[in-house]
Amino acid sequence: MTRAAIIAALFAAFLTRAQYLMGTVCEIDADVSAGAAFAECARIESMISTWRDDSELSRVNRGATPSAELASVLAIANDYKRETEGAFDPHIRALLNKWHIREPNVIPSVVEGPGGAGGDVKRATPPPGPSTTLGMTKLDYEEGGFAKGYAIDRMLDLLRDRGAKHAVINFGGQIGTLAPTEVTIADPKQRDHPVVALTLQQRSLSTSSTSEKPNHIIDPRSGVPVPARGSVSVIHDSALVADILSTALYVMGREHGLEWARAHHVLAIFIDHDFIETSAPVPGIRVLDAHFKLKD
């Protein structure tokens, strides 16, 4: 093999592949074929996407019994509903429907509550308790806060089992990696402007904010959209847990979120206005924009 052919082969080995899955782009950069990982993600989408009437989770929402795999994922989601005292709640589909969150070009108002279309919208009434959603009795599952995280975990496991030493997955902005990888976190107000850099060590980084679609994150405890409050990033060994907790901590807000993260030994990074605050020291963290200050 010529030197040029060797270089071409090495380049191809780390070629980034991308597919559109779960309503967003999934990119895989690995030293083994990514085909099986994409196929696994597609399988999970067919199991867990409530955008599809024929998915297993849609059937569960209609009363079917989940398979062992899906039951395990839902059990973890429900465990974190209890752990976060309802700041994360997988049973939020009815609220999303009331606020028209799934509809394109709809931006809910943080001062109005769910109601009909055409502007006839009323302030939301606080729910009677953490076990219900605005008093609604049909508590269908919504996978948006945990599906991509679970898929990243499964894809990384599959790539590892196939001999991958290097693999980085970027799934709609959530990162999962098998090797130390340089990652950045963007300014919540300018998604193309990185303000923090760090090295992710075989872990996952999930960021929640409302920069892409304002007011699309609902506080399950009050039933109303969470106002813009920067971003929250969670670093965790499990991409599923990182996905869940970035949402929960964003809902909690900086003060309560930092307190919860520290009490539960969760590594979280809060970015808002011109400050950056972490729940614990982040080795090698670097601030890329002098307008932002890392709070001690």
Protein backbone atom coordinates (compact mmCIF):
# COMPACT_ATOMS: atom_id res chain seq x y z
CA MET A 1 0.00 0.00 0.00
CA THR A 2 1.35 3.40 -0.94
CA ARG A 3 1.83 6.17 1.62
CA ALA A 4 -1.08 8.09 0.05
CA ALA A 5 -3.32 5.04 0.30
CA ILE A 6 -2.38 4.56 3.96
CA ILE A 7 -3.22 8.19 4.74
CA ALA A 8 -6.52 7.88 2.88
CA ALA A 9 -7.38 4.72 4.81
CA LEU A 10 -6.59 6.36 8.13
CA PHE A 11 -8.68 9.39 7.22
CA ALA A 12 -11.59 7.17 6.21
CA ALA A 13 -11.34 5.26 9.49
CA PHE A 14 -12.26 8.41 11.42
CA LEU A 15 -14.72 9.78 8.90
CA THR A 16 -17.79 11.38 10.48
CA ARG A 17 -21.02 9.81 9.32
CA ALA A 18 -24.43 11.42 9.86
CA GLN A 19 -28.06 10.35 9.68
CA TYR A 20 -31.34 12.06 10.51
CA LEU A 21 -32.88 10.22 13.45
CA MET A 22 -35.38 11.17 16.19
CA GLY A 23 -36.05 14.46 14.48
CA THR A 24 -32.44 15.66 14.51
CA VAL A 25 -28.99 14.89 13.14
CA CYS A 26 -26.93 12.09 14.66
CA GLU A 27 -23.21 12.24 13.83
CA ILE A 28 -20.80 9.41 14.59
CA ASP A 29 -17.01 9.71 14.34
CA ALA A 30 -15.50 6.27 15.00
CA ASP A 31 -12.67 3.96 14.04
CA VAL A 32 -15.11 1.17 13.16
CA SER A 33 -18.13 1.12 10.86
CA ALA A 34 -20.99 3.24 12.17
CA GLY A 35 -23.67 1.38 10.22
CA ALA A 36 -24.68 -0.92 13.06
CA ALA A 37 -24.83 1.98 15.51
CA PHE A 38 -27.16 3.93 13.22
CA ALA A 39 -29.30 0.81 12.81
CA GLU A 40 -29.48 0.45 16.59
CA CYS A 41 -30.58 4.08 16.93
CA ALA A 42 -33.28 3.53 14.31
CA ARG A 43 -34.46 0.48 16.25
CA ILE A 44 -34.68 2.51 19.44
CA GLU A 45 -36.57 5.25 17.62
CA SER A 46 -39.10 2.68 16.42
CA MET A 47 -39.48 1.54 20.03
CA ILE A 48 -39.60 4.86 21.85
CA SER A 49 -40.78 7.65 19.53
CA THR A 50 -44.29 8.87 20.29
CA TRP A 51 -44.19 10.75 17.00
CA ARG A 52 -44.97 7.31 15.55
CA ASP A 53 -48.33 5.73 16.30
CA ASP A 54 -46.86 2.26 15.75
CA SER A 55 -44.00 2.60 18.26
CA GLU A 56 -43.94 0.51 21.41
CA LEU A 57 -44.12 3.58 23.66
CA SER A 58 -47.17 4.86 21.76
CA ARG A 59 -48.81 1.49 22.37
CA VAL A 60 -47.87 1.71 26.05
CA ASN A 61 -49.57 5.10 26.18
CA ARG A 62 -52.66 3.32 24.86
CA GLY A 63 -52.47 0.70 27.62
CA ALA A 64 -50.07 -1.99 26.36
CA THR A 65 -47.50 -3.65 28.60
CA PRO A 66 -43.92 -2.56 27.83
CA SER A 67 -41.17 -5.00 26.91
CA ALA A 68 -38.40 -5.65 29.43
CA GLU A 69 -36.08 -3.20 27.65
CA LEU A 70 -38.59 -0.35 27.52
CA ALA A 71 -39.78 -1.06 31.06
CA SER A 72 -36.18 -0.70 32.27
CA VAL A 73 -35.77 2.68 30.56
CA LEU A 74 -39.10 3.95 31.90
CA ALA A 75 -38.19 2.75 35.39
CA ILE A 76 -35.04 4.90 35.32
CA ALA A 77 -37.03 7.90 34.07
CA ASN A 78 -39.57 7.44 36.85
CA ASP A 79 -36.81 7.02 39.45
CA TYR A 80 -35.48 10.46 38.50
CA LYS A 81 -38.97 11.90 38.65
CA ARG A 82 -38.93 10.92 42.32
CA GLU A 83 -35.29 11.96 42.87
CA THR A 84 -35.88 15.42 41.42
CA GLU A 85 -39.26 15.80 43.13
CA GLY A 86 -40.99 16.25 39.81
CA ALA A 87 -38.59 18.71 38.15
CA PHE A 88 -38.17 15.94 35.58
CA ASP A 89 -41.32 14.04 34.68
CA PRO A 90 -41.62 11.60 31.76
CA HIS A 91 -45.44 11.80 32.04
CA ILE A 92 -45.61 15.23 30.44
CA ARG A 93 -47.15 14.52 27.05
CA ALA A 94 -50.55 16.01 27.97
CA LEU A 95 -48.92 19.30 29.01
CA LEU A 96 -46.90 19.51 25.82
CA ASN A 97 -50.09 19.01 23.85
CA LYS A 98 -51.90 21.72 25.81
CA TRP A 99 -49.07 24.18 25.13
CA HIS A 100 -48.77 23.07 21.47
CA ILE A 101 -45.04 22.48 22.08
CA ARG A 102 -44.83 19.89 19.31
CA GLU A 103 -46.32 22.21 16.72
CA PRO A 104 -43.86 24.09 14.48
CA ASN A 105 -43.50 27.85 14.88
CA VAL A 106 -45.41 27.91 18.17
CA ILE A 107 -43.73 29.77 21.03
CA PRO A 108 -45.65 29.55 24.32
CA SER A 109 -45.83 32.63 26.51
CA VAL A 110 -44.38 32.31 29.99
CA VAL A 111 -47.16 34.51 31.36
CA GLU A 112 -50.02 32.51 29.90
CA GLY A 113 -51.32 29.04 30.57
CA PRO A 114 -52.49 26.23 28.33
CA GLY A 115 -55.66 26.71 26.35
CA GLY A 116 -57.09 26.50 22.87
CA ALA A 117 -55.55 27.78 19.68
CA GLY A 118 -56.14 31.25 18.33
CA GLY A 119 -54.87 33.11 21.38
CA ASP A 120 -57.62 32.02 23.77
CA VAL A 121 -55.07 31.13 26.41
CA LYS A 122 -55.37 31.30 30.18
CA ARG A 123 -52.85 31.26 33.00
CA ALA A 124 -52.06 27.70 34.09
CA THR A 125 -53.36 26.52 37.44
CA PRO A 126 -50.75 24.79 39.63
CA PRO A 127 -51.26 21.04 39.74
CA PRO A 128 -52.69 19.46 42.88
CA GLY A 129 -49.49 17.51 43.50
CA PRO A 130 -46.33 16.04 41.99
CA SER A 131 -48.08 12.82 40.95
CA THR A 132 -50.39 14.58 38.49
CA THR A 133 -49.96 17.03 35.66
CA LEU A 134 -52.36 19.94 36.03
CA GLY A 135 -54.86 17.52 37.46
CA MET A 136 -54.88 15.48 34.24
CA THR A 137 -55.61 11.81 34.71
CA LYS A 138 -54.10 10.61 31.40
CA LEU A 139 -50.37 10.80 32.07
CA ASP A 140 -48.88 9.67 28.77
CA TYR A 141 -45.13 9.29 28.41
CA GLU A 142 -43.12 11.85 26.44
CA GLU A 143 -39.67 10.64 25.40
CA GLY A 144 -38.09 14.00 24.59
CA GLY A 145 -36.14 14.23 27.85
CA PHE A 146 -34.50 10.81 27.73
CA ALA A 147 -34.69 9.08 24.33
CA LYS A 148 -31.52 10.48 22.76
CA GLY A 149 -29.53 9.79 25.92
CA TYR A 150 -30.59 6.15 25.93
CA ALA A 151 -29.78 5.84 22.23
CA ILE A 152 -26.28 7.28 22.77
CA ASP A 153 -25.59 4.76 25.53
CA ARG A 154 -26.69 1.86 23.35
CA MET A 155 -24.73 3.09 20.31
CA LEU A 156 -21.55 3.54 22.37
CA ASP A 157 -21.96 0.06 23.87
CA LEU A 158 -22.36 -1.42 20.40
CA LEU A 159 -19.33 0.44 19.01
CA ARG A 160 -17.24 -0.66 21.99
CA ASP A 161 -18.33 -4.28 21.54
CA ARG A 162 -17.24 -4.06 17.89
CA GLY A 163 -13.75 -3.02 18.91
CA ALA A 164 -13.91 0.76 18.71
CA LYS A 165 -11.19 2.56 20.60
CA HIS A 166 -12.27 5.98 19.34
CA ALA A 167 -15.91 7.02 19.01
CA VAL A 168 -17.65 10.36 19.42
CA ILE A 169 -21.39 10.74 18.98
CA ASN A 170 -23.05 14.12 18.58
CA PHE A 171 -26.79 13.54 18.70
CA GLY A 172 -28.65 16.81 18.37
CA GLY A 173 -26.02 18.54 20.52
CA GLN A 174 -25.67 15.84 23.20
CA ILE A 175 -22.20 14.29 23.15
CA GLY A 176 -21.12 10.78 24.06
CA THR A 177 -17.57 9.50 23.73
CA LEU A 178 -15.36 6.45 24.25
CA ALA A 179 -12.11 8.45 24.35
CA PRO A 180 -10.96 11.82 25.71
CA THR A 181 -12.57 14.42 23.48
CA GLU A 182 -12.37 18.21 23.39
CA VAL A 183 -15.88 19.68 23.59
CA THR A 184 -17.31 23.17 23.90
CA ILE A 185 -20.47 24.70 25.38
CA ALA A 186 -22.05 27.60 23.54
CA ASP A 187 -23.29 30.95 24.73
CA PRO A 188 -26.99 30.28 25.47
CA LYS A 189 -27.89 33.37 23.42
CA GLN A 190 -25.57 32.55 20.50
CA ARG A 191 -25.47 28.85 19.73
CA ASP A 192 -22.61 29.23 17.24
CA HIS A 193 -20.39 31.02 19.78
CA PRO A 194 -18.54 28.69 22.22
CA VAL A 195 -17.74 30.14 25.64
CA VAL A 196 -16.46 27.08 27.54
CA ALA A 197 -14.10 24.27 26.53
CA LEU A 198 -13.24 21.08 28.39
CA THR A 199 -12.05 17.55 27.78
CA LEU A 200 -14.78 14.95 28.08
CA GLN A 201 -13.38 11.68 29.43
CA GLN A 202 -15.44 8.70 28.20
CA ARG A 203 -18.61 10.34 29.38
CA SER A 204 -21.61 12.22 28.06
CA LEU A 205 -22.35 15.94 28.00
CA SER A 206 -25.97 17.05 27.73
CA THR A 207 -27.03 20.71 27.60
CA SER A 208 -30.52 22.10 28.12
CA SER A 209 -31.55 25.62 27.16
CA THR A 210 -34.34 27.40 25.35
CA SER A 211 -32.13 29.06 22.73
CA GLU A 212 -33.32 26.84 19.89
CA LYS A 213 -37.03 27.16 20.68
CA PRO A 214 -38.01 29.68 23.37
CA ASN A 215 -40.14 28.46 26.28
CA HIS A 216 -40.30 24.85 25.06
CA ILE A 217 -39.26 23.36 28.41
CA ILE A 218 -42.22 22.92 30.77
CA ASP A 219 -41.97 22.83 34.54
CA PRO A 220 -44.09 19.74 35.35
CA ARG A 221 -44.66 21.01 38.88
CA SER A 222 -46.35 24.26 37.86
CA GLY A 223 -47.48 23.34 34.38
CA VAL A 224 -46.00 26.45 32.76
CA PRO A 225 -43.02 27.02 30.44
CA VAL A 226 -39.71 27.80 32.10
CA PRO A 227 -38.51 31.33 31.26
CA ALA A 228 -35.12 31.79 29.59
CA ARG A 229 -32.39 31.20 32.16
CA GLY A 230 -29.23 30.48 30.19
CA SER A 231 -28.19 26.85 29.93
CA VAL A 232 -27.40 23.85 32.10
CA SER A 233 -24.92 21.17 31.04
CA VAL A 234 -24.54 17.86 32.86
CA ILE A 235 -21.56 15.53 32.56
CA HIS A 236 -22.29 11.92 33.51
CA ASP A 237 -21.10 8.38 32.80
CA SER A 238 -24.60 7.61 31.49
CA ALA A 239 -25.89 9.62 28.54
CA LEU A 240 -29.42 8.69 29.62
CA VAL A 241 -28.90 10.22 33.05
CA ALA A 242 -27.14 13.28 31.62
CA ASP A 243 -30.11 13.83 29.28
CA ILE A 244 -32.61 13.58 32.14
CA LEU A 245 -30.69 15.72 34.62
CA SER A 246 -29.84 18.59 32.28
CA THR A 247 -33.59 19.08 31.85
CA ALA A 248 -34.33 18.69 35.56
CA LEU A 249 -31.64 21.15 36.67
CA TYR A 250 -32.73 23.69 34.06
CA VAL A 251 -36.25 23.48 35.45
CA MET A 252 -34.97 23.86 39.02
CA GLY A 253 -33.02 27.02 38.21
CA ARG A 254 -29.47 27.92 39.17
CA GLU A 255 -29.72 28.17 42.95
CA HIS A 256 -31.81 25.07 43.58
CA GLY A 257 -30.16 23.20 40.71
CA LEU A 258 -26.66 23.74 42.07
CA GLU A 259 -27.80 22.71 45.54
CA TRP A 260 -29.41 19.53 44.18
CA ALA A 261 -26.43 18.68 41.98
CA ARG A 262 -23.96 19.09 44.84
CA ALA A 263 -26.09 17.01 47.19
CA HIS A 264 -26.33 14.21 44.59
CA HIS A 265 -22.69 14.45 43.36
CA VAL A 266 -23.71 15.48 39.84
CA LEU A 267 -21.29 17.52 37.74
CA ALA A 268 -23.24 20.43 36.26
CA ILE A 269 -22.28 23.67 34.52
CA PHE A 270 -24.65 26.64 34.65
CA ILE A 271 -24.16 29.48 32.14
CA ASP A 272 -26.26 32.63 32.30
CA HIS A 273 -25.69 36.27 31.40
CA ASP A 274 -21.91 36.68 31.85
CA PHE A 275 -21.12 34.08 34.50
CA ILE A 276 -20.34 30.36 34.60
CA GLU A 277 -20.87 28.34 37.76
CA THR A 278 -20.18 24.65 38.35
CA SER A 279 -21.46 22.23 40.97
CA ALA A 280 -17.93 20.86 41.45
CA PRO A 281 -14.46 21.56 40.03
CA VAL A 282 -14.21 20.65 36.33
CA PRO A 283 -10.62 19.63 35.50
CA GLY A 284 -9.21 21.58 32.59
CA ILE A 285 -12.25 23.81 32.05
CA ARG A 286 -11.38 26.90 30.01
CA VAL A 287 -13.35 30.07 29.43
CA LEU A 288 -13.14 31.10 25.77
CA ASP A 289 -14.90 34.46 25.99
CA ALA A 290 -13.49 37.14 28.29
CA HIS A 291 -16.99 38.52 28.86
CA PHE A 292 -17.81 35.38 30.84
CA LYS A 293 -16.41 34.80 34.32
CA LEU A 294 -16.01 31.42 36.01
CA LYS A 295 -17.45 31.78 39.48
CA ASP A 296 -15.30 30.34 42.28
